[in-house]
Protein backbone atom coordinates (compact mmCIF):
# COMPACT_ATOMS: atom_id res chain seq x y z
CA MET A 1 116.84 93.13 23.21
CA TYR A 2 119.81 93.35 25.53
CA LEU A 3 119.74 97.13 25.42
CA LYS A 4 116.06 97.16 26.44
CA PHE A 5 116.77 94.80 29.35
CA ALA A 6 119.69 96.98 30.48
CA ALA A 7 117.50 100.10 30.34
CA VAL A 8 114.80 98.43 32.43
CA ARG A 9 117.42 97.26 34.95
CA ASP A 10 118.89 100.75 35.26
CA GLU A 11 115.45 102.26 35.78
CA LEU A 12 114.68 99.73 38.54
CA ASN A 13 118.01 100.50 40.26
CA MET A 14 117.27 104.22 40.16
CA ARG A 15 113.82 103.66 41.65
CA GLU A 16 115.31 101.51 44.43
CA GLN A 17 117.89 104.19 45.23
CA LEU A 18 115.18 106.84 45.23
CA MET A 19 113.01 104.79 47.64
CA THR A 20 116.00 104.21 49.92
CA PHE A 21 116.73 107.96 49.97
CA ARG A 22 113.12 108.75 50.79
CA ALA A 23 113.08 106.19 53.63
CA ARG A 24 116.24 107.69 55.13
CA THR A 25 114.76 111.16 54.83
CA LEU A 26 111.55 110.08 56.58
CA ARG A 27 113.52 108.45 59.41
CA ALA A 28 115.61 111.59 59.84
CA ASN A 29 112.49 113.76 59.91
CA ALA A 30 110.86 111.43 62.43
CA LYS A 31 113.87 111.75 64.73
CA VAL A 32 113.78 115.53 64.44
CA MET A 33 110.03 115.59 65.13
CA GLY A 34 110.48 113.21 68.05
CA ALA A 35 113.16 115.43 69.53
CA LYS A 36 110.94 118.47 69.03
CA SER A 37 108.00 116.67 70.63
CA SER A 38 110.14 115.74 73.61
CA LEU A 39 111.30 119.32 73.94
CA ILE A 40 107.73 120.59 73.67
CA ALA A 41 106.52 118.07 76.28
CA ALA A 42 109.34 119.02 78.62
CA ALA A 43 108.55 122.69 78.10
CA VAL A 44 104.86 122.09 78.86
CA VAL A 45 105.72 120.20 82.07
CA ALA A 46 108.14 122.92 83.10
CA LEU A 47 105.59 125.66 82.41
CA ALA A 48 102.91 123.75 84.31
CA THR A 49 105.25 123.36 87.27
CA LEU A 50 106.21 127.01 87.19
CA ALA A 51 102.57 128.02 86.88
CA GLY A 52 101.75 125.96 89.95
CA CYS A 53 104.44 127.60 92.07
CA ALA A 54 103.62 130.37 94.49
CA THR A 55 105.47 133.63 93.88
CA PRO A 56 107.46 134.61 96.97
CA PRO A 57 106.97 138.16 98.30
CA PRO A 58 109.70 140.81 97.99
CA ALA A 59 112.72 140.06 100.15
CA GLY A 60 112.38 143.44 101.80
CA ASP A 61 108.93 142.61 103.19
CA LYS A 62 110.07 140.64 106.22
CA GLU A 63 106.59 139.94 107.59
CA ALA A 64 105.29 138.67 104.26
CA MET A 65 108.43 136.59 103.73
CA ALA A 66 108.10 135.10 107.22
CA ALA A 67 104.46 134.18 106.53
CA PHE A 68 105.45 132.68 103.16
CA ASN A 69 108.16 130.54 104.76
CA ASP A 70 105.89 129.54 107.63
CA ALA A 71 103.22 128.34 105.19
CA ASN A 72 105.83 126.13 103.48
CA ASP A 73 103.50 125.87 100.51
CA PRO A 74 105.54 126.69 97.38
CA LEU A 75 103.00 124.86 95.17
CA GLU A 76 100.03 126.75 96.59
CA PRO A 77 98.32 127.58 93.26
CA LEU A 78 98.50 123.93 92.19
CA ASN A 79 97.52 122.75 95.66
CA ARG A 80 94.50 125.04 95.65
CA TYR A 81 93.43 123.60 92.31
CA PHE A 82 93.58 120.02 93.67
CA PHE A 83 91.86 121.21 96.83
CA GLU A 84 88.88 122.26 94.73
CA VAL A 85 89.06 118.96 92.85
CA ASN A 86 88.89 117.12 96.18
CA ARG A 87 85.99 119.30 97.35
CA GLY A 88 84.11 118.49 94.17
CA PHE A 89 84.81 114.79 94.66
CA ASP A 90 83.57 115.05 98.24
CA HIS A 91 80.35 116.91 97.35
CA LEU A 92 79.52 114.76 94.35
CA LEU A 93 80.50 111.30 95.61
CA LEU A 94 82.07 110.84 99.03
CA ARG A 95 79.59 112.80 101.12
CA PRO A 96 76.43 111.36 99.46
CA ILE A 97 77.78 107.82 99.87
CA SER A 98 78.69 108.57 103.50
CA GLU A 99 75.21 109.91 104.18
CA ILE A 100 73.62 106.81 102.67
CA TYR A 101 76.01 104.62 104.68
CA ARG A 102 75.14 106.44 107.90
CA GLY A 103 71.42 106.30 107.21
CA ALA A 104 71.36 102.67 106.15
CA LEU A 105 73.41 101.15 108.95
CA PRO A 106 72.65 101.44 112.67
CA ASP A 107 75.36 102.64 115.03
CA PHE A 108 76.39 99.16 116.18
CA ALA A 109 76.88 98.03 112.56
CA ARG A 110 79.01 101.06 111.71
CA ASN A 111 81.01 100.52 114.88
CA SER A 112 81.65 96.93 113.79
CA VAL A 113 82.84 98.12 110.39
CA ARG A 114 85.23 100.59 112.01
CA SER A 115 86.50 98.01 114.49
CA PHE A 116 87.03 95.43 111.74
CA VAL A 117 89.03 97.81 109.54
CA ASN A 118 91.03 99.17 112.49
CA ASN A 119 91.89 95.61 113.46
CA LEU A 120 93.24 94.90 109.98
CA GLU A 121 95.44 97.99 110.20
CA THR A 122 96.78 97.12 113.66
CA PRO A 123 99.62 94.78 112.53
CA GLY A 124 101.07 97.65 110.50
CA ILE A 125 100.64 99.98 113.46
CA PHE A 126 102.52 97.45 115.61
CA VAL A 127 105.44 97.53 113.15
CA HIS A 128 105.56 101.33 113.32
CA ASP A 129 105.40 101.26 117.13
CA VAL A 130 108.48 99.00 117.11
CA LEU A 131 110.30 101.14 114.54
CA GLN A 132 109.65 104.23 116.67
CA GLY A 133 110.92 102.53 119.82
CA GLU A 134 107.52 102.76 121.52
CA GLN A 135 107.58 99.51 123.47
CA ASP A 136 104.48 100.17 125.54
CA ARG A 137 102.40 101.16 122.51
CA ALA A 138 103.73 98.16 120.59
CA ALA A 139 102.54 95.91 123.43
CA GLU A 140 99.14 97.62 123.29
CA SER A 141 98.87 97.09 119.53
CA PHE A 142 99.80 93.42 119.91
CA ALA A 143 97.23 92.96 122.70
CA ARG A 144 94.55 94.73 120.69
CA PHE A 145 95.08 92.64 117.57
CA THR A 146 95.25 89.27 119.32
CA GLY A 147 92.39 90.07 121.71
CA ASN A 148 89.99 91.57 119.16
CA THR A 149 90.78 88.90 116.57
CA ALA A 150 90.09 86.10 119.03
CA LEU A 151 87.23 87.61 121.02
CA GLY A 152 85.80 90.14 118.57
CA PRO A 153 85.58 87.85 116.76
CA LEU A 154 87.85 88.83 113.86
CA GLY A 155 87.83 92.40 115.13
CA LEU A 156 84.11 92.95 114.54
CA ASN A 157 83.87 94.29 118.09
CA ASP A 158 86.51 96.30 119.91
CA VAL A 159 86.34 94.27 123.09
CA VAL A 160 89.87 95.22 124.16
CA ALA A 161 88.97 98.93 124.25
CA GLY A 162 86.26 98.10 126.77
CA ASP A 163 83.85 100.84 125.68
CA ASN A 164 82.98 101.31 129.34
CA PRO A 165 81.43 104.79 129.89
CA LYS A 166 81.94 104.50 133.64
CA ASN A 167 85.65 103.80 133.24
CA PRO A 168 86.91 104.91 129.81
CA ASP A 169 90.51 104.12 130.79
CA ALA A 170 89.74 100.50 131.60
CA GLY A 171 90.58 99.14 128.17
CA ILE A 172 93.24 99.75 125.52
CA PRO A 173 92.06 102.41 123.06
CA PHE A 174 92.94 102.35 119.39
CA HIS A 175 95.85 104.50 118.25
CA ASN A 176 97.07 105.11 114.74
CA GLU A 177 100.60 105.08 113.31
CA ASP A 178 102.00 105.27 109.79
CA PHE A 179 105.36 105.54 108.05
CA GLY A 180 105.09 109.31 107.83
CA GLN A 181 105.00 109.45 111.63
CA THR A 182 107.88 107.00 111.82
CA LEU A 183 109.98 109.17 109.52
CA ALA A 184 109.12 112.20 111.67
CA VAL A 185 110.27 110.38 114.80
CA TRP A 186 113.49 109.52 112.99
CA GLY A 187 114.05 113.22 112.38
CA MET A 188 112.91 113.72 108.79
CA ALA A 189 111.44 117.15 108.05
CA PRO A 190 107.91 117.25 106.58
CA GLY A 191 108.89 119.10 103.42
CA PRO A 192 106.52 121.30 101.43
CA TYR A 193 102.79 121.07 101.89
CA LEU A 194 100.92 119.01 99.31
CA MET A 195 97.27 118.54 98.39
CA VAL A 196 97.10 115.02 97.00
CA PRO A 197 94.22 114.39 94.56
CA PHE A 198 91.49 112.16 96.07
CA VAL A 199 93.57 111.75 99.24
CA GLY A 200 93.69 115.16 100.89
CA PRO A 201 96.26 117.33 102.65
CA SER A 202 99.73 115.93 103.09
CA ASN A 203 103.39 116.81 102.68
CA VAL A 204 106.37 115.25 100.95
CA ARG A 205 107.27 113.06 103.92
CA ASP A 206 103.73 111.85 104.60
CA ALA A 207 102.98 111.26 100.91
CA PHE A 208 106.06 109.07 100.66
CA GLY A 209 105.06 107.31 103.87
CA LEU A 210 101.58 106.68 102.49
CA ALA A 211 103.07 104.72 99.60
CA VAL A 212 105.42 102.74 101.85
CA ASN A 213 102.63 101.78 104.27
CA TYR A 214 101.31 99.34 101.69
CA TYR A 215 104.48 97.25 101.94
CA ILE A 216 104.88 97.50 105.71
CA ASN A 217 101.51 96.19 106.90
CA PRO A 218 101.88 92.39 107.26
CA ILE A 219 98.14 91.92 106.80
CA ASN A 220 98.51 92.63 103.08
CA TYR A 221 100.53 89.46 102.66
CA ILE A 222 97.75 87.11 103.78
CA VAL A 223 96.13 87.43 100.34
CA HIS A 224 97.51 86.48 96.94
CA GLU A 225 99.88 88.95 95.31
CA ASP A 226 97.40 89.72 92.54
CA LYS A 227 94.79 90.82 95.08
CA ARG A 228 96.94 92.74 97.58
CA PHE A 229 96.45 96.18 96.09
CA ALA A 230 92.68 95.73 95.83
CA PHE A 231 92.63 94.44 99.42
CA SER A 232 94.50 97.50 100.67
CA LEU A 233 92.50 99.93 98.54
CA GLY A 234 89.23 98.42 99.70
CA ARG A 235 90.16 98.94 103.35
CA THR A 236 91.14 102.53 102.62
CA ILE A 237 87.85 103.27 100.86
CA VAL A 238 85.71 101.70 103.60
CA ARG A 239 87.67 103.54 106.28
CA GLY A 240 87.30 106.83 104.44
CA ILE A 241 83.53 106.44 104.04
CA ASP A 242 83.09 105.46 107.69
CA THR A 243 85.20 108.36 108.94
CA ARG A 244 83.43 110.85 106.66
CA SER A 245 80.04 109.62 107.84
CA ARG A 246 80.96 110.41 111.44
CA ASN A 247 82.03 113.98 110.74
CA ILE A 248 79.56 115.41 108.24
CA GLU A 249 78.24 118.19 110.46
CA SER A 250 81.66 118.90 111.95
CA PHE A 251 83.28 119.44 108.59
CA ASP A 252 80.39 121.70 107.56
CA GLU A 253 81.03 123.73 110.70
CA ILE A 254 84.68 124.20 109.77
CA GLU A 255 83.79 125.30 106.25
CA ARG A 256 81.18 127.80 107.44
CA GLY A 257 83.54 129.35 109.98
CA ALA A 258 86.57 129.62 107.68
CA ILE A 259 87.47 132.83 105.87
CA ASP A 260 89.93 130.91 103.68
CA PHE A 261 88.88 127.27 103.77
CA TYR A 262 92.06 126.08 102.04
CA ALA A 263 94.33 127.86 104.55
CA THR A 264 92.20 126.62 107.45
CA VAL A 265 92.46 123.00 106.35
CA ARG A 266 96.22 123.40 105.84
CA SER A 267 96.66 124.77 109.36
CA LEU A 268 94.40 122.20 111.01
CA TYR A 269 96.08 119.35 109.16
CA ARG A 270 99.47 120.38 110.52
CA GLN A 271 98.09 120.60 114.04
CA TYR A 272 96.54 117.17 113.64
CA ARG A 273 99.76 115.61 112.37
CA ALA A 274 101.73 117.22 115.18
CA SER A 275 99.32 115.62 117.64
CA GLU A 276 99.66 112.20 115.99
CA ILE A 277 103.46 112.37 115.82
CA GLY A 278 103.55 113.41 119.47
CA ASN A 279 101.20 110.52 120.37
CA GLY A 280 98.51 112.89 121.56
CA ARG A 281 100.89 115.24 123.35
CA GLY A 282 100.34 117.96 120.75
CA PRO A 283 97.17 119.98 120.03
CA VAL A 284 93.78 118.32 120.17
CA ASN A 285 92.95 116.68 116.85
CA PRO A 286 91.10 119.55 115.15
CA LEU A 287 90.40 118.16 111.68
CA PRO A 288 87.57 115.63 112.06
CA GLU A 289 87.75 114.15 108.57
CA MET A 290 91.16 112.75 109.44
CA SER A 291 90.60 111.80 113.06
CA GLU A 292 88.86 108.59 114.02
CA GLU A 293 88.91 109.40 117.70
CA LEU A 294 86.40 112.26 117.65
CA GLU A 295 82.81 111.44 118.44
CA GLU A 296 79.97 112.88 116.38
CA ASP A 297 78.20 114.57 119.27
CA ASN A 298 81.26 116.55 120.40
CA ASP A 299 82.88 117.34 117.08
CA ALA A 300 81.24 120.67 116.29
CA GLU A 301 81.94 122.21 119.70
CA ARG A 302 85.60 121.11 119.72
CA VAL A 303 86.21 122.33 116.19
CA SER A 304 84.49 125.65 116.82
CA SER A 305 86.61 126.27 119.90
CA ALA A 306 89.74 125.36 117.96
CA ILE A 307 88.89 127.86 115.19
CA LYS A 308 88.04 130.65 117.63
């Protein structure tokens, strides 16, 4: 009886040891597979990055190398891919919604929407005016926000701008600022060109500034923390639809006249940003989708002259 009990005990011990060995082996294999998976994932990311990089021309071709450096677009293949993604998004969603918006609302209603959203962005613009040392423009931003909020009312009408066709300089027009412009004024280089999905053309400096803008605008802090992002995103979406609705024909004109639409947008974006950073002292804003100052009736002629 004792011998049988001892035999059963020994068999159970052997099974326990065997199960322990198998568990250790499985854990070791899992670690090896995890390491391999990490290496594979890293390799895929590296290959994707390399595949998205533009190949520089031969060093001996000085003209081609100068053009490559001037474009400052080392991720051009990847940027072109996202450019087509953005075009698809525009054709399938943004433009149809903008056309419906323009057709459904009369001009005065759309002007109220634009004035209301611009007014909500003005406190952030005031902060950037101060950070850039632009005292006069900071005073204008402060006067615009207080005046349009009180008399608009709530910015629904841009009463401070005047909108007087006989004397367009009588009021204080809207101007835009963002952290990308502030960084430029502080001396930061733009960095490589980027095509941001669902946002549009940018660069490293402006893309970083776009993220920081969310935290700089004081208007975001009037709502609860849980709703701040939605509040900011909602303003961005409404502003994008309104701006797109005002430049449908103009953007079509640019696309029809461009040999390489991607390169044209890249060039026009840089001209536009140079104008904004220089507070209008640079080239005329040539890219209507990103300029809120261009009027619908004059857009096509100004853009055509800029392209020619």
